[in-house]
C-alpha atoms as a PDB file:
ATOM      1  CA  MET A   1     -31.312 -70.756  23.901  1.00  0.00           C
ATOM      2  CA  ALA A   2     -30.042 -74.369  23.364  1.00  0.00           C
ATOM      3  CA  ASP A   3     -28.955 -76.436  26.405  1.00  0.00           C
ATOM      4  CA  ASP A   4     -26.028 -77.782  24.394  1.00  0.00           C
ATOM      5  CA  LYS A   5     -24.041 -74.562  23.644  1.00  0.00           C
ATOM      6  CA  SER A   6     -21.967 -76.373  21.021  1.00  0.00           C
ATOM      7  CA  LYS A   7     -25.011 -76.964  18.866  1.00  0.00           C
ATOM      8  CA  ARG A   8     -26.128 -73.473  17.479  1.00  0.00           C
ATOM      9  CA  ASP A   9     -28.137 -72.422  14.478  1.00  0.00           C
ATOM     10  CA  TYR A  10     -29.961 -69.428  13.181  1.00  0.00           C
ATOM     11  CA  ARG A  11     -32.685 -69.760  15.899  1.00  0.00           C
ATOM     12  CA  ASP A  12     -30.325 -68.756  18.716  1.00  0.00           C
ATOM     13  CA  ARG A  13     -29.813 -65.354  17.175  1.00  0.00           C
ATOM     14  CA  SER A  14     -33.483 -64.567  16.617  1.00  0.00           C
ATOM     15  CA  ARG A  15     -34.431 -65.322  20.273  1.00  0.00           C
ATOM     16  CA  ILE A  16     -33.740 -63.935  23.743  1.00  0.00           C
ATOM     17  CA  ASN A  17     -33.224 -66.286  26.523  1.00  0.00           C
ATOM     18  CA  THR A  18     -33.733 -64.409  29.820  1.00  0.00           C
ATOM     19  CA  LYS A  19     -32.484 -67.375  31.879  1.00  0.00           C
ATOM     20  CA  GLU A  20     -29.002 -66.890  30.440  1.00  0.00           C
ATOM     21  CA  SER A  21     -27.124 -63.968  32.216  1.00  0.00           C
ATOM     22  CA  TYR A  22     -24.598 -63.527  29.522  1.00  0.00           C
ATOM     23  CA  GLU A  23     -27.407 -63.109  27.039  1.00  0.00           C
ATOM     24  CA  MET A  24     -29.237 -60.639  29.389  1.00  0.00           C
ATOM     25  CA  GLU A  25     -26.087 -58.509  29.637  1.00  0.00           C
ATOM     26  CA  TYR A  26     -25.721 -58.564  25.823  1.00  0.00           C
ATOM     27  CA  TRP A  27     -29.477 -57.403  25.295  1.00  0.00           C
ATOM     28  CA  LYS A  28     -29.228 -54.783  28.038  1.00  0.00           C
ATOM     29  CA  LYS A  29     -26.149 -53.181  26.388  1.00  0.00           C
ATOM     30  CA  LYS A  30     -27.698 -53.517  22.855  1.00  0.00           C
ATOM     31  CA  PHE A  31     -31.013 -52.070  23.649  1.00  0.00           C
ATOM     32  CA  GLY A  32     -29.853 -49.514  26.461  1.00  0.00           C
ATOM     33  CA  VAL A  33     -32.471 -50.800  28.859  1.00  0.00           C
ATOM     34  CA  SER A  34     -32.673 -52.670  32.119  1.00  0.00           C
ATOM     35  CA  GLY A  35     -32.952 -56.403  32.693  1.00  0.00           C
ATOM     36  CA  GLN A  36     -36.426 -55.950  34.103  1.00  0.00           C
ATOM     37  CA  GLN A  37     -37.508 -53.986  31.050  1.00  0.00           C
ATOM     38  CA  ILE A  38     -36.319 -56.861  28.720  1.00  0.00           C
ATOM     39  CA  ALA A  39     -37.997 -59.446  30.939  1.00  0.00           C
ATOM     40  CA  GLY A  40     -41.252 -57.474  30.733  1.00  0.00           C
ATOM     41  CA  ALA A  41     -41.012 -56.984  26.914  1.00  0.00           C
ATOM     42  CA  VAL A  42     -40.355 -60.853  26.533  1.00  0.00           C
ATOM     43  CA  ARG A  43     -43.379 -61.705  28.974  1.00  0.00           C
ATOM     44  CA  ALA A  44     -45.547 -59.238  26.659  1.00  0.00           C
ATOM     45  CA  VAL A  45     -44.425 -60.265  23.168  1.00  0.00           C
ATOM     46  CA  GLY A  46     -42.385 -63.245  23.424  1.00  0.00           C
ATOM     47  CA  THR A  47     -38.786 -64.154  22.811  1.00  0.00           C
ATOM     48  CA  SER A  48     -38.357 -62.822  19.199  1.00  0.00           C
ATOM     49  CA  VAL A  49     -35.658 -60.164  19.095  1.00  0.00           C
ATOM     50  CA  LYS A  50     -37.526 -58.188  16.452  1.00  0.00           C
ATOM     51  CA  LYS A  51     -40.722 -58.131  18.525  1.00  0.00           C
ATOM     52  CA  VAL A  52     -38.903 -57.225  21.755  1.00  0.00           C
ATOM     53  CA  ALA A  53     -37.087 -54.352  19.960  1.00  0.00           C
ATOM     54  CA  ASN A  54     -40.211 -53.011  18.396  1.00  0.00           C
ATOM     55  CA  TYR A  55     -41.949 -53.168  22.014  1.00  0.00           C
ATOM     56  CA  LEU A  56     -39.101 -51.510  23.628  1.00  0.00           C
ATOM     57  CA  LYS A  57     -38.959 -48.819  20.992  1.00  0.00           C
ATOM     58  CA  ASN A  58     -42.680 -47.922  21.100  1.00  0.00           C
ATOM     59  CA  LYS A  59     -42.800 -47.923  25.032  1.00  0.00           C
END
């Protein structure tokens, strides 16, 4: 999420950045869905990992 990858904190773990390909690959594998589904979930509920997980589970 942060532009400076050397500066990380708890916020990086709780958000999904759809603009970073390595993050998208990680979340696609974790949730077992396509990148389009993750992007749609982020547009619908925001970048929170918990909200996206709930959205994808209920879809």
